[in-house]
Every structure is written in C-alpha cells, then in structure tokens.
Protein backbone atom coordinates (compact mmCIF):
# COMPACT_ATOMS: atom_id res chain seq x y z
CA MET A 1 -9.95 -20.92 -2.17
CA LEU A 2 -7.25 -19.99 -4.60
CA VAL A 3 -3.71 -19.77 -3.75
CA THR A 4 -1.14 -18.76 -6.02
CA ASP A 5 2.82 -18.97 -5.09
CA SER A 6 5.41 -17.08 -7.12
CA ASP A 7 9.24 -16.92 -5.85
CA GLU A 8 8.82 -13.91 -4.00
CA VAL A 9 4.75 -12.83 -3.79
CA LEU A 10 2.53 -14.91 -2.84
CA LEU A 11 -0.98 -14.46 -3.79
CA GLU A 12 -3.96 -16.05 -1.52
CA VAL A 13 -7.64 -15.40 -2.23
CA GLU A 14 -10.98 -16.54 0.07
CA SER A 15 -13.97 -14.94 0.78
CA GLY A 16 -13.17 -12.07 -1.77
CA VAL A 17 -10.13 -11.19 -0.03
CA ALA A 18 -6.94 -11.34 -2.05
CA VAL A 19 -4.48 -11.13 0.61
CA VAL A 20 -0.78 -10.49 -1.10
CA THR A 21 2.49 -11.48 0.73
CA LEU A 22 6.09 -10.28 0.34
CA ASN A 23 8.45 -13.56 0.58
CA ALA A 24 11.56 -12.38 0.61
CA PRO A 25 12.51 -12.79 4.58
CA ASP A 26 16.30 -13.30 3.83
CA ARG A 27 16.93 -9.25 1.96
CA ARG A 28 13.86 -8.21 4.79
CA ASN A 29 11.60 -8.10 1.59
CA ALA A 30 13.70 -5.12 0.08
CA LEU A 31 12.45 -4.70 -3.14
CA THR A 32 14.12 -6.01 -6.68
CA PRO A 33 13.18 -4.70 -10.07
CA ALA A 34 12.37 -8.62 -10.39
CA MET A 35 10.13 -8.91 -7.19
CA ALA A 36 8.45 -5.50 -8.38
CA THR A 37 7.57 -6.94 -11.39
CA GLU A 38 6.23 -9.79 -9.75
CA LEU A 39 4.05 -7.63 -7.70
CA ILE A 40 2.78 -5.38 -10.13
CA ALA A 41 1.81 -9.00 -12.12
CA THR A 42 0.15 -10.00 -9.17
CA PHE A 43 -2.04 -6.70 -8.48
CA ASP A 44 -2.94 -7.11 -12.47
CA GLU A 45 -4.42 -10.14 -11.32
CA VAL A 46 -6.21 -9.60 -8.64
CA ASP A 47 -7.85 -6.46 -10.82
CA GLY A 48 -8.77 -9.01 -13.08
CA ARG A 49 -10.77 -11.07 -10.48
CA SER A 50 -14.65 -9.95 -10.33
CA ASP A 51 -15.09 -11.68 -7.31
CA VAL A 52 -12.28 -9.76 -5.34
CA GLY A 53 -13.99 -7.26 -2.97
CA ALA A 54 -10.59 -5.87 -0.81
CA LEU A 55 -6.68 -6.97 -0.58
CA VAL A 56 -4.85 -7.19 2.14
CA ILE A 57 -0.83 -6.69 1.67
CA THR A 58 1.76 -8.16 4.28
CA ALA A 59 4.98 -10.03 4.93
CA VAL A 60 6.36 -12.41 5.93
CA GLY A 61 9.43 -12.43 8.22
CA LYS A 62 10.66 -9.48 10.97
CA SER A 63 10.01 -6.93 8.43
CA PHE A 64 7.10 -5.73 6.32
CA CYS A 65 9.56 -4.02 3.45
CA ALA A 66 13.23 -2.77 3.97
CA GLY A 67 13.13 -0.46 1.20
CA GLY A 68 14.98 -0.67 -1.90
CA ASP A 69 17.53 -3.50 -2.47
CA ILE A 70 20.98 -2.67 -1.32
CA ALA A 71 22.20 -3.85 -4.30
CA THR A 72 19.97 -2.44 -6.73
CA LEU A 73 20.55 0.72 -5.59
CA THR A 74 24.37 0.65 -5.54
CA SER A 75 23.86 -0.52 -8.96
CA ALA A 76 21.92 2.26 -9.98
CA GLY A 77 24.57 4.76 -8.22
CA GLN A 78 27.08 3.98 -10.53
CA ASP A 79 25.14 5.05 -13.62
CA PRO A 80 21.61 6.43 -12.89
CA ALA A 81 20.94 7.42 -16.35
CA ALA A 82 21.79 3.98 -17.65
CA PRO A 83 18.69 2.41 -19.19
CA ALA A 84 19.26 -0.49 -17.44
CA ALA A 85 19.22 1.38 -13.98
CA TYR A 86 16.55 3.89 -14.94
CA GLU A 87 14.09 1.00 -15.83
CA GLY A 88 14.64 -0.46 -12.71
CA MET A 89 14.28 2.00 -10.01
CA GLY A 90 11.25 2.80 -12.39
CA THR A 91 9.80 -0.60 -11.70
CA ILE A 92 10.19 0.16 -8.22
CA TYR A 93 8.47 2.89 -7.99
CA ASP A 94 5.91 1.42 -10.22
CA SER A 95 4.87 -1.89 -7.55
CA PHE A 96 3.68 0.46 -5.10
CA TYR A 97 2.35 3.10 -7.28
CA ARG A 98 0.39 0.08 -8.76
CA LEU A 99 -0.96 -0.94 -5.43
CA GLY A 100 -2.76 2.63 -4.84
CA GLN A 101 -4.01 2.49 -8.25
CA VAL A 102 -5.65 -1.47 -7.26
CA ARG A 103 -9.20 -1.23 -8.00
CA VAL A 104 -10.60 -2.64 -4.41
CA PRO A 105 -9.96 -1.04 -1.24
CA THR A 106 -6.78 -1.95 0.09
CA VAL A 107 -5.35 -2.79 3.47
CA ALA A 108 -1.57 -3.01 4.50
CA ALA A 109 -0.26 -5.30 7.43
CA VAL A 110 2.51 -4.01 8.86
CA ARG A 111 4.76 -5.74 11.37
CA GLY A 112 8.15 -5.06 12.07
CA SER A 113 9.78 -2.60 10.21
CA ALA A 114 9.23 -0.31 7.12
CA VAL A 115 11.79 2.24 5.40
CA GLY A 116 12.32 4.03 2.52
CA ALA A 117 10.03 2.62 -0.86
CA GLY A 118 8.92 0.23 2.40
CA MET A 119 6.97 3.34 3.71
CA ASN A 120 5.96 3.84 0.41
CA MET A 121 4.28 0.95 -0.04
CA LEU A 122 2.29 1.45 3.11
CA LEU A 123 1.21 4.85 2.34
CA ALA A 124 -0.47 3.58 -1.28
CA ALA A 125 -2.75 1.15 0.54
CA ASP A 126 -6.29 2.70 1.52
CA LEU A 127 -5.84 2.06 5.10
CA ARG A 128 -2.86 0.63 7.39
CA ILE A 129 -3.13 -1.70 10.49
CA VAL A 130 0.14 -1.85 11.97
CA ALA A 131 1.79 -3.64 14.87
CA SER A 132 2.29 -1.47 17.94
CA ASN A 133 6.20 -2.02 17.98
CA ALA A 134 6.41 -1.42 14.35
CA ARG A 135 9.60 0.54 13.33
CA LEU A 136 8.94 3.24 10.39
CA LEU A 137 11.12 5.49 9.41
CA CYS A 138 11.68 7.27 5.53
CA GLY A 139 15.70 6.63 5.61
CA PHE A 140 16.35 8.34 2.96
CA LEU A 141 18.42 10.73 3.80
CA LYS A 142 20.35 8.47 6.30
CA ARG A 143 21.26 6.51 3.07
CA GLY A 144 22.04 10.03 1.21
CA LEU A 145 19.56 9.41 -1.33
CA HIS A 146 16.48 12.33 -1.95
CA PRO A 147 13.63 10.76 -1.32
CA GLY A 148 11.58 8.74 -4.68
CA GLY A 149 8.33 7.70 -5.71
CA GLY A 150 6.28 11.04 -4.38
CA HIS A 151 7.27 9.87 -1.07
CA PHE A 152 6.39 13.79 0.34
CA VAL A 153 3.13 13.55 -1.03
CA ILE A 154 2.10 10.48 0.20
CA LEU A 155 3.26 11.08 3.74
CA SER A 156 2.46 14.13 4.07
CA ARG A 157 -1.35 13.79 2.88
CA LEU A 158 -1.69 11.65 5.82
CA ILE A 159 0.32 13.03 8.84
CA GLY A 160 0.51 16.63 7.60
CA ARG A 161 3.40 18.91 6.92
CA GLU A 162 5.22 18.73 10.24
CA ALA A 163 5.46 15.37 11.07
CA ALA A 164 6.23 15.08 7.49
CA ALA A 165 8.88 16.89 7.43
CA ALA A 166 10.06 15.25 11.16
CA MET A 167 10.09 12.01 9.42
CA ALA A 168 11.05 12.59 5.82
CA LEU A 169 13.74 15.33 6.68
CA PHE A 170 14.75 15.05 10.10
CA GLY A 171 15.01 11.35 10.36
CA GLU A 172 12.31 11.11 13.30
CA GLU A 173 11.28 6.98 13.52
CA ILE A 174 8.32 5.97 14.66
CA ASN A 175 6.11 2.70 16.11
CA GLY A 176 3.39 1.80 15.19
CA THR A 177 1.52 3.32 18.38
CA ARG A 178 2.62 6.58 17.25
CA ALA A 179 1.77 6.02 13.79
CA ALA A 180 -1.68 5.61 14.86
CA GLN A 181 -1.77 8.59 16.97
CA LEU A 182 -0.93 11.03 13.89
CA GLY A 183 -3.14 9.19 11.65
CA LEU A 184 -0.53 7.51 9.90
CA ALA A 185 -2.50 4.03 10.78
CA TRP A 186 -6.24 3.22 11.49
CA GLU A 187 -4.75 0.82 14.98
CA ALA A 188 -2.00 -0.58 16.21
CA VAL A 189 -2.44 -3.81 17.79
CA ASP A 190 -0.38 -6.45 19.05
CA ASP A 191 1.82 -7.90 16.60
CA GLU A 192 0.25 -11.40 16.03
CA MET A 193 -3.02 -9.51 15.47
CA VAL A 194 -2.00 -7.57 12.69
CA GLU A 195 -3.09 -9.62 10.15
CA SER A 196 -6.44 -11.17 11.53
CA ARG A 197 -7.34 -7.70 12.17
CA ALA A 198 -6.35 -6.44 8.88
CA ARG A 199 -8.61 -9.32 6.99
CA GLU A 200 -11.38 -8.80 9.27
CA LEU A 201 -11.87 -5.21 8.05
CA ALA A 202 -10.75 -6.45 4.79
CA GLY A 203 -13.66 -8.88 4.21
CA ARG A 204 -16.67 -6.46 5.86
CA VAL A 205 -16.00 -4.59 2.50
CA ALA A 206 -15.36 -7.53 0.54
CA ALA A 207 -18.31 -8.46 0.65
CA ASP A 208 -19.82 -6.55 -1.99
CA PRO A 209 -17.16 -6.63 -4.81
CA ASP A 210 -19.21 -4.26 -7.27
CA LEU A 211 -19.66 -1.70 -4.39
CA ALA A 212 -16.19 -1.84 -3.06
CA ARG A 213 -15.16 -0.93 -6.52
CA THR A 214 -16.95 1.57 -6.80
CA ALA A 215 -16.89 3.44 -3.65
CA VAL A 216 -13.01 2.89 -3.30
CA GLY A 217 -13.10 4.61 -6.72
CA ASN A 218 -15.00 7.61 -5.39
CA PHE A 219 -13.01 7.84 -2.17
CA ARG A 220 -9.61 8.15 -3.90
CA LYS A 221 -10.99 10.74 -6.30
CA GLU A 222 -12.34 12.82 -3.60
CA VAL A 223 -10.04 12.28 -0.77
CA VAL A 224 -6.73 10.95 -1.58
CA ASN A 225 -5.65 12.34 -4.93
CA GLY A 226 -6.15 15.85 -4.16
CA ALA A 227 -8.83 16.61 -1.78
CA VAL A 228 -12.28 18.23 -3.71
CA GLY A 229 -14.63 20.99 -2.81
CA TRP A 230 -17.96 19.43 -1.44
CA ASP A 231 -20.03 20.70 -4.72
CA VAL A 232 -17.63 18.86 -6.60
CA ALA A 233 -17.81 15.64 -4.20
CA MET A 234 -21.73 15.62 -4.46
CA GLN A 235 -20.75 15.39 -8.57
CA TYR A 236 -18.53 11.95 -8.18
CA GLU A 237 -21.06 10.52 -5.71
CA ARG A 238 -24.23 11.19 -6.96
CA PRO A 239 -24.01 8.68 -9.78
CA ALA A 240 -22.42 6.06 -7.55
CA GLN A 241 -25.25 6.35 -5.19
CA MET A 242 -28.19 6.40 -7.17
CA TRP A 243 -26.22 3.14 -9.13
CA SER A 244 -26.05 1.67 -6.00
CA MET A 245 -30.09 2.39 -4.78
CA ARG A 246 -31.33 1.04 -8.41
CA ARG A 247 -28.91 -2.03 -7.86
CA SER A 248 -30.20 -2.41 -4.26
CA ALA A 249 -34.14 -2.41 -5.31
CA GLY A 250 -33.07 -5.07 -7.73
CA THR A 251 -33.59 -3.32 -10.83
CA PRO A 252 -31.47 -4.38 -13.84
C-alpha cells in the first residue's frame, strides 16, 4: 500500500484503488487555488500509475466540500478580471474538470454537505455513493453568484431538466435518499458505510486496470460527453472489444 500525504490532499493506493481525500475540515473542505493545485497534481500522479484501475474521492470531516473558499470568492469579487483572481478561479474549475478526465473509473464517496463547486466535484465522478442524510445543494444563486464550471450541463445530464432547474435555479436542497431517487447517485447508504461501499465498487473494476481505462474512456465518449447514436457507439466499442477479446485469448 502506498500512502502520500500533502497538506490538504491525501492519496492512498491499495489493491489497484487510489483513494483521494480532501483534508481541510476546518473550512469544510472548501476549495482554494492552492488546494485545487494539489488535487490536480494528485490526479496527475494517479494517471501516471499503471497499477491503478479506479479512484475514490472522499473527504475528512462533516462536509464533502463546501464549494469555493469564501475568502477566495470575496477576493475574486473585488476585481474578477484581475490576473491573479481570474487564474485562481480557473484553477478551482480545473480541479473538478481534471477529476472528470482521470483515466480510470471514479467514484465519489459523499458524506455531509456538498455545495456549489463541491457539487461540481461529485458530479465530475463517474459514479456517486452518498450518505442518506447528505445535504446536496447548488447554492450559487443563494450566494448571489451565477453557477460556474459548467454546472448546468453536468447536473442536468444526470437528473434532467426539471430537477436541474429546481436545484440550480430555485435553490432546492436534497438529501442522499432523494439524490438516489433522482439518479444523482447510484446508492444512498448509512453514513458509516459510504466509503466502504465506494471502495467495494472501485475494487471490482480496479482488478483489471488496462480494461478499466479502455472501458471508461469509451463510456465517457458515448454517454457522458454528449450521448452519441447507436451506430456511432458501435464504432467506438468495436476496436476496444476486439482488443479485449484478443487479450483474453492470450494473443500478444
């Protein structure tokens, strides 16, 4: 088992599963540019390891992620076009976008609250396991902010137009049980079961890292990044399936 600790992001690798943990509980894991930079570097590290076949993202403390750090947002609001402010906000956007580009299947293990950019972080994963009592809210308009980071797109592709409007425009808050009902999460479980269930699912696909990387790449092309037609999907999948068949037969 490999464990790597930085200030606000922890990385553990065991049995092919990388577990990335947000570790800033004092501010409810709200994202700063520095923390976002650590996250991006950690995802880069995961992608550089051929033995990793899945990733779980989780958090320490009572919140999964409270969004963008208030001090960062306030500072950026003074002059959003200032180079430092613009770059800092861009780094926060890049952190959850980078999660969506990790080369292995990803699972968000969500306990406590997820707000704003924290919602974007869990939405960027391929699958979500949430605590039944989790608090999920977009929260942008409540703060007087327009949603950012492609929030409308990544939310609506999971729960549809009506539910996305209710949450993103009208400020509806949901718990984990409702999230599973809407299709925002695969499963809602007791708080203490969230991470173990996420690790269990990740461990299945991580057993074959090469296949996991190939399969999730095509899954995202066909389903996530704008659904494609059946005929196009067949063309995406055929070479990958033939490769997997050849490999299973032991042909180099």
